[in-house]
């Protein structure tokens, strides 16, 4: 066959060329081999080699879905160009369990308080279509229901405040400090990273803060307009907590059983220790929140610095142990009193009965 010698094939270049070739041939039924080769700057032998591969491509490996392309040496014919048409695409198919989960979730969301009526109606219309398409599979979903707790109402209020650009008043529980505080916030956006959060400008701390919705004890939409300062939105796809360079530095030492801390907490460094543990340096806008980490680690780790945080962690551990000691002492007292009454004594309450 006429044409220049075949060049060494680069797989990436060939793939790009073949993708373009599909579009080119679809628009030019019966195209001449020499014209197509010239248009792509390749030899006729290279073009025929591509044409030998294209019939093995398609939307699936079932009959009619593969590209039916051939050549008589002079012209190229595509016998089923509709194989790649949008109308030939496979409709989405849901298994029975997938349809059930989708319908239950859709009905639950449609009951959220504060949901915009237009959104609710659109969701109900989409749900009806899925029910029709699901047929018998939709029956199981009607016997299931999901009830949103307080977080659902909080979500609706936050969503409404963001849409209407209004400030929020909240009572918020902080587990790190074990306290409930009142504050006004200018909501910026809702984010979901394991739990649902609202990122907002906190008027109490005059800084950006992230609040977990299930820790909001009370919420009110205020008449004041929401006016957060212009701040760059962070990419929260990797993690919710993304320390900044100006955040306080904390040093934690962990034994072999606490090495997981380096995997779950963003850190500046993790240096090996002789016993197989790590000395981890990290930054956090709220160092006090790491007291819970210290308690969780127990003998597998400790806070080294800053000194005041290390002291508060030790104090929290002592208080926790004292609480356990108090429970054990009370339990021991009840056992002694029961023994003193004799083996046939009747327990005073359900807590004194056999385990």
Protein backbone atom coordinates (compact mmCIF):
# COMPACT_ATOMS: atom_id res chain seq x y z
CA UNK A 1 0.00 0.00 0.00
CA UNK A 2 1.28 3.47 -0.79
CA UNK A 3 2.53 5.68 2.01
CA UNK A 4 5.57 6.61 3.97
CA UNK A 5 7.21 4.16 6.39
CA UNK A 6 5.38 3.51 9.63
CA UNK A 7 6.86 5.48 12.56
CA UNK A 8 7.34 3.98 16.02
CA UNK A 9 3.96 4.12 17.78
CA UNK A 10 3.55 6.27 20.90
CA UNK A 11 0.55 4.89 22.81
CA UNK A 12 -0.51 8.30 24.14
CA UNK A 13 -0.31 9.96 20.72
CA UNK A 14 -2.15 7.05 19.12
CA UNK A 15 -4.95 7.22 21.71
CA UNK A 16 -5.39 10.95 21.16
CA UNK A 17 -5.42 10.44 17.39
CA UNK A 18 -7.98 7.64 17.55
CA UNK A 19 -10.33 9.74 19.71
CA UNK A 20 -10.17 12.49 17.10
CA UNK A 21 -10.51 9.92 14.33
CA UNK A 22 -13.86 8.73 15.70
CA UNK A 23 -15.33 12.24 15.47
CA UNK A 24 -13.75 12.84 12.07
CA UNK A 25 -15.13 9.64 10.53
CA UNK A 26 -18.58 10.12 12.03
CA UNK A 27 -18.90 13.42 10.20
CA UNK A 28 -17.47 12.08 6.90
CA UNK A 29 -19.10 8.80 5.86
CA UNK A 30 -17.20 7.09 3.05
CA UNK A 31 -14.09 9.24 3.55
CA UNK A 32 -11.13 8.37 1.32
CA UNK A 33 -8.21 6.64 3.06
CA UNK A 34 -5.60 8.90 1.52
CA UNK A 35 -7.52 12.06 2.53
CA UNK A 36 -7.91 10.93 6.14
CA UNK A 37 -4.24 9.93 6.38
CA UNK A 38 -3.20 13.30 5.01
CA UNK A 39 -5.52 15.15 7.42
CA UNK A 40 -3.94 13.40 10.43
CA UNK A 41 -0.37 13.58 9.12
CA UNK A 42 0.17 9.82 9.17
CA UNK A 43 0.80 7.12 6.63
CA UNK A 44 -2.00 5.04 5.17
CA UNK A 45 -0.52 1.99 6.91
CA UNK A 46 -0.75 3.79 10.28
CA UNK A 47 -4.35 4.73 9.54
CA UNK A 48 -5.28 1.14 8.66
CA UNK A 49 -3.61 0.01 11.89
CA UNK A 50 -5.86 2.41 13.83
CA UNK A 51 -8.90 1.16 11.92
CA UNK A 52 -8.05 -2.39 12.97
CA UNK A 53 -8.25 -1.33 16.64
CA UNK A 54 -11.39 0.82 16.54
CA UNK A 55 -13.81 -2.11 16.00
CA UNK A 56 -12.73 -3.40 19.43
CA UNK A 57 -13.94 -0.19 21.09
CA UNK A 58 -17.43 0.84 22.15
CA UNK A 59 -19.76 1.46 25.07
CA UNK A 60 -19.67 -2.23 26.04
CA UNK A 61 -18.65 -5.59 24.58
CA UNK A 62 -22.16 -6.59 23.60
CA UNK A 63 -23.29 -6.85 19.99
CA UNK A 64 -24.18 -3.52 18.42
CA UNK A 65 -22.26 -1.46 21.00
CA UNK A 66 -18.84 -1.92 19.36
CA UNK A 67 -17.83 0.39 16.51
CA UNK A 68 -18.53 -1.25 13.16
CA UNK A 69 -15.86 0.40 11.00
CA UNK A 70 -14.17 -1.11 7.96
CA UNK A 71 -12.36 -0.13 4.76
CA UNK A 72 -12.08 -1.48 1.25
CA UNK A 73 -8.62 0.05 0.92
CA UNK A 74 -9.90 3.22 -0.72
CA UNK A 75 -12.76 4.40 1.47
CA UNK A 76 -13.75 4.06 5.13
CA UNK A 77 -17.26 3.09 6.15
CA UNK A 78 -18.87 3.34 9.58
CA UNK A 79 -21.97 1.15 9.62
CA UNK A 80 -23.33 1.99 13.11
CA UNK A 81 -22.44 5.61 13.94
CA UNK A 82 -25.43 5.73 16.32
CA UNK A 83 -23.56 3.38 18.68
CA UNK A 84 -22.02 6.43 20.35
CA UNK A 85 -25.05 8.70 20.12
CA UNK A 86 -26.44 10.13 23.35
CA UNK A 87 -29.79 8.42 22.74
CA UNK A 88 -28.02 5.05 22.58
CA UNK A 89 -26.54 5.39 26.07
CA UNK A 90 -27.59 2.85 28.66
CA UNK A 91 -30.19 4.20 31.11
CA UNK A 92 -29.21 4.15 34.77
CA UNK A 93 -30.30 0.91 36.41
CA UNK A 94 -30.78 0.64 40.16
CA UNK A 95 -30.76 -2.56 42.16
CA UNK A 96 -33.64 -3.06 44.59
CA UNK A 97 -31.56 -2.08 47.63
CA UNK A 98 -30.23 1.03 45.83
CA UNK A 99 -33.74 2.14 44.86
CA UNK A 100 -34.97 1.59 48.44
CA UNK A 101 -32.11 3.61 49.94
CA UNK A 102 -32.64 6.43 47.46
CA UNK A 103 -36.38 6.64 48.07
CA UNK A 104 -36.07 6.53 51.86
CA UNK A 105 -33.45 9.28 51.79
CA UNK A 106 -35.49 11.43 49.40
CA UNK A 107 -38.63 11.19 51.53
CA UNK A 108 -36.66 11.98 54.68
CA UNK A 109 -35.06 15.08 53.19
CA UNK A 110 -38.44 16.32 51.94
CA UNK A 111 -39.65 16.48 55.56
CA UNK A 112 -36.83 18.73 56.75
CA UNK A 113 -38.23 21.84 58.48
CA UNK A 114 -37.25 25.05 56.74
CA UNK A 115 -36.68 23.41 53.35
CA UNK A 116 -37.58 25.82 50.56
CA UNK A 117 -40.98 24.92 49.15
CA UNK A 118 -39.72 24.99 45.58
CA UNK A 119 -36.96 22.54 46.52
CA UNK A 120 -39.44 20.33 48.37
CA UNK A 121 -41.78 20.15 45.37
CA UNK A 122 -38.91 19.40 42.99
CA UNK A 123 -37.71 16.63 45.30
CA UNK A 124 -41.21 15.13 45.56
CA UNK A 125 -41.58 15.12 41.78
CA UNK A 126 -38.22 13.38 41.38
CA UNK A 127 -39.21 10.86 44.09
CA UNK A 128 -42.44 10.03 42.28
CA UNK A 129 -40.51 9.35 39.07
CA UNK A 130 -38.09 7.05 40.87
CA UNK A 131 -41.01 5.19 42.49
CA UNK A 132 -42.60 4.64 39.08
CA UNK A 133 -39.35 3.42 37.59
CA UNK A 134 -38.55 1.20 40.58
CA UNK A 135 -41.85 -0.68 40.37
CA UNK A 136 -42.08 -3.42 43.00
CA UNK A 137 -38.76 -2.38 44.50
CA UNK A 138 -40.42 0.83 45.73
CA UNK A 139 -42.73 -1.14 48.01
CA UNK A 140 -40.09 -1.85 50.63
CA UNK A 141 -39.15 1.82 50.90
CA UNK A 142 -42.69 2.76 51.91
CA UNK A 143 -42.31 0.62 55.05
CA UNK A 144 -39.16 2.47 56.16
CA UNK A 145 -38.78 5.97 57.52
CA UNK A 146 -36.05 8.23 58.81
CA UNK A 147 -36.60 10.87 61.46
CA UNK A 148 -34.13 13.73 61.72
CA UNK A 149 -33.25 14.82 65.22
CA UNK A 150 -32.45 18.39 66.23
CA UNK A 151 -29.65 18.62 63.67
CA UNK A 152 -32.25 18.63 60.90
CA UNK A 153 -33.84 21.83 62.22
CA UNK A 154 -30.44 23.41 62.76
CA UNK A 155 -29.46 22.55 59.20
CA UNK A 156 -32.62 24.16 57.84
CA UNK A 157 -32.07 27.36 59.84
CA UNK A 158 -28.43 27.61 58.79
CA UNK A 159 -29.33 26.97 55.16
CA UNK A 160 -32.02 29.65 55.31
CA UNK A 161 -29.69 32.14 56.99
CA UNK A 162 -27.08 31.61 54.29
CA UNK A 163 -29.68 32.07 51.52
CA UNK A 164 -31.13 35.21 53.12
CA UNK A 165 -27.72 36.55 54.27
CA UNK A 166 -28.78 36.85 57.93
CA UNK A 167 -26.84 36.48 61.16
CA UNK A 168 -27.36 33.58 63.56
CA UNK A 169 -27.41 33.36 67.35
CA UNK A 170 -26.42 29.96 68.73
CA UNK A 171 -25.81 28.18 72.01
CA UNK A 172 -22.94 25.85 71.26
CA UNK A 173 -21.39 23.00 73.22
CA UNK A 174 -17.60 22.78 73.05
CA UNK A 175 -16.41 19.32 74.17
CA UNK A 176 -12.80 20.52 74.39
CA UNK A 177 -13.74 23.00 77.13
CA UNK A 178 -16.83 21.11 78.30
CA UNK A 179 -18.91 24.27 78.25
CA UNK A 180 -21.86 25.83 76.43
CA UNK A 181 -21.33 29.31 75.05
CA UNK A 182 -23.60 31.85 73.38
CA UNK A 183 -22.35 33.58 70.26
CA UNK A 184 -23.45 35.35 67.11
CA UNK A 185 -22.09 34.08 63.82
CA UNK A 186 -22.22 35.13 60.18
CA UNK A 187 -22.65 31.83 58.31
CA UNK A 188 -20.55 31.34 55.18
CA UNK A 189 -21.28 27.79 54.00
CA UNK A 190 -22.31 24.31 55.06
CA UNK A 191 -19.74 21.55 54.70
CA UNK A 192 -19.86 17.81 55.28
CA UNK A 193 -16.72 16.00 56.40
CA UNK A 194 -17.92 12.98 58.35
CA UNK A 195 -20.38 15.29 60.18
CA UNK A 196 -22.16 18.41 58.96
CA UNK A 197 -20.60 21.75 59.90
CA UNK A 198 -21.22 25.41 59.28
CA UNK A 199 -18.20 27.53 58.51
CA UNK A 200 -18.81 31.03 59.82
CA UNK A 201 -17.32 34.26 61.05
CA UNK A 202 -17.68 34.22 64.84
CA UNK A 203 -18.41 37.67 66.31
CA UNK A 204 -17.36 36.47 69.76
CA UNK A 205 -13.83 35.49 68.77
CA UNK A 206 -13.60 37.78 65.71
CA UNK A 207 -12.24 34.88 63.66
CA UNK A 208 -13.34 32.18 61.29
CA UNK A 209 -14.71 29.15 63.12
CA UNK A 210 -16.32 25.83 62.17
CA UNK A 211 -19.30 24.59 64.21
CA UNK A 212 -20.65 21.04 64.20
CA UNK A 213 -24.41 21.13 63.80
CA UNK A 214 -25.21 18.34 66.25
CA UNK A 215 -23.48 20.38 68.99
CA UNK A 216 -25.75 23.39 68.51
CA UNK A 217 -28.07 23.38 71.53
CA UNK A 218 -30.22 26.30 70.36
CA UNK A 219 -30.36 28.49 67.26
CA UNK A 220 -32.15 31.67 66.18
CA UNK A 221 -32.11 33.57 62.89
CA UNK A 222 -31.53 37.25 63.66
CA UNK A 223 -32.73 40.34 61.78
CA UNK A 224 -29.17 41.64 61.46
CA UNK A 225 -27.61 41.08 58.04
CA UNK A 226 -24.78 38.58 57.81
CA UNK A 227 -21.59 40.41 56.87
CA UNK A 228 -18.55 38.15 57.15
CA UNK A 229 -15.28 39.72 56.04
CA UNK A 230 -13.81 38.75 52.68
CA UNK A 231 -11.90 35.54 53.40
CA UNK A 232 -10.53 32.89 51.11
CA UNK A 233 -12.50 29.65 51.27
CA UNK A 234 -10.41 26.66 52.22
CA UNK A 235 -10.36 23.33 50.42
CA UNK A 236 -11.83 21.00 53.03
CA UNK A 237 -11.82 17.87 50.86
CA UNK A 238 -8.74 16.47 52.63
CA UNK A 239 -9.59 17.36 56.22
CA UNK A 240 -11.72 19.73 58.24
CA UNK A 241 -8.86 20.84 60.50
CA UNK A 242 -6.17 22.55 58.49
CA UNK A 243 -3.69 24.29 60.81
CA UNK A 244 -2.25 27.65 59.89
CA UNK A 245 1.36 28.75 60.34
CA UNK A 246 0.36 31.22 63.06
CA UNK A 247 -1.48 28.62 65.16
CA UNK A 248 0.13 27.62 68.51
CA UNK A 249 2.61 24.74 68.40
CA UNK A 250 2.02 21.61 70.47
CA UNK A 251 4.47 18.74 71.01
CA UNK A 252 3.14 15.28 71.80
CA UNK A 253 5.22 12.19 72.53
CA UNK A 254 3.61 8.81 71.90
CA UNK A 255 4.73 5.22 72.37
CA UNK A 256 4.40 2.46 69.78
CA UNK A 257 0.71 2.13 70.61
CA UNK A 258 0.10 5.80 69.82
CA UNK A 259 1.78 6.06 66.42
CA UNK A 260 -1.69 6.34 64.85
CA UNK A 261 -1.76 9.99 65.97
CA UNK A 262 0.66 10.87 63.15
CA UNK A 263 -1.74 9.31 60.65
CA UNK A 264 -4.87 11.12 61.84
CA UNK A 265 -3.55 14.55 62.88
CA UNK A 266 -1.92 17.01 60.43
CA UNK A 267 1.56 17.71 61.81
CA UNK A 268 4.78 19.58 61.04
CA UNK A 269 7.12 16.75 62.03
CA UNK A 270 7.16 13.26 63.50
CA UNK A 271 10.57 12.20 64.82
CA UNK A 272 11.35 8.63 65.79
CA UNK A 273 12.00 7.89 69.49
CA UNK A 274 14.29 5.09 70.79
CA UNK A 275 11.37 3.09 72.18
CA UNK A 276 9.62 2.93 68.81
CA UNK A 277 7.37 5.89 69.51
CA UNK A 278 7.19 9.34 67.94
CA UNK A 279 7.74 12.94 68.97
CA UNK A 280 5.04 14.77 67.03
CA UNK A 281 4.97 18.53 66.49
CA UNK A 282 1.66 19.95 65.32
CA UNK A 283 -0.29 23.21 65.24
CA UNK A 284 -3.86 23.87 66.25
CA UNK A 285 -6.00 26.98 66.72
CA UNK A 286 -7.40 25.42 69.91
CA UNK A 287 -4.65 23.65 71.91
CA UNK A 288 -7.08 22.86 74.74
CA UNK A 289 -8.88 20.45 72.41
CA UNK A 290 -5.84 18.15 72.61
CA UNK A 291 -6.55 17.36 76.27
CA UNK A 292 -9.07 14.81 75.03
CA UNK A 293 -6.35 13.27 72.88
CA UNK A 294 -4.07 12.97 75.91
CA UNK A 295 -6.81 11.24 77.92
CA UNK A 296 -7.53 8.90 75.03
CA UNK A 297 -3.86 7.96 74.70
CA UNK A 298 -3.49 7.08 78.38
CA UNK A 299 -0.12 5.42 78.93
CA UNK A 300 0.54 5.48 75.17
CA UNK A 301 1.25 9.20 75.02
CA UNK A 302 1.59 12.58 76.73
CA UNK A 303 1.65 16.28 75.91
CA UNK A 304 5.15 17.72 76.29
CA UNK A 305 4.57 21.37 75.48
CA UNK A 306 3.36 24.00 75.99
CA UNK A 307 3.80 23.44 79.76
CA UNK A 308 0.41 24.87 80.77
CA UNK A 309 -1.38 22.51 78.37
CA UNK A 310 0.64 19.56 79.68
CA UNK A 311 -0.31 20.54 83.26
CA UNK A 312 -4.01 20.86 82.38
CA UNK A 313 -3.94 17.45 80.68
CA UNK A 314 -2.41 15.87 83.79
CA UNK A 315 -5.01 17.58 85.97
CA UNK A 316 -7.83 16.30 83.74
CA UNK A 317 -6.39 12.78 84.01
CA UNK A 318 -6.21 13.04 87.81
CA UNK A 319 -9.82 14.23 87.99
CA UNK A 320 -10.94 11.38 85.76
CA UNK A 321 -9.13 8.82 87.93
CA UNK A 322 -10.55 10.38 91.08
CA UNK A 323 -14.05 10.05 89.64
CA UNK A 324 -13.43 6.37 88.95
CA UNK A 325 -12.00 5.92 92.45
CA UNK A 326 -15.12 7.51 93.91
CA UNK A 327 -17.38 5.13 91.98
CA UNK A 328 -15.31 2.13 93.06
CA UNK A 329 -15.31 3.29 96.70
CA UNK A 330 -19.08 3.65 96.70
CA UNK A 331 -19.46 0.25 95.09
CA UNK A 332 -17.17 -1.33 97.70
CA UNK A 333 -19.17 0.30 100.52
CA UNK A 334 -22.42 -1.16 99.16
CA UNK A 335 -20.87 -4.63 98.92
CA UNK A 336 -19.60 -4.46 102.53
CA UNK A 337 -23.00 -3.30 103.80
CA UNK A 338 -24.72 -6.12 101.93
CA UNK A 339 -22.33 -8.66 103.45
CA UNK A 340 -23.04 -7.22 106.90
CA UNK A 341 -26.78 -7.76 106.42
CA UNK A 342 -26.21 -11.41 105.66
CA UNK A 343 -26.50 -13.71 102.67
CA UNK A 344 -30.28 -13.44 102.49
CA UNK A 345 -30.40 -9.65 102.45
CA UNK A 346 -32.59 -8.11 99.76
CA UNK A 347 -30.76 -5.67 97.46
CA UNK A 348 -31.66 -2.00 97.92
CA UNK A 349 -32.07 -1.33 94.20
CA UNK A 350 -31.27 -2.48 90.73
CA UNK A 351 -27.69 -1.28 91.05
CA UNK A 352 -27.06 -3.72 93.93
CA UNK A 353 -28.32 -6.84 92.18
CA UNK A 354 -26.18 -9.51 90.57
CA UNK A 355 -24.47 -8.64 87.28
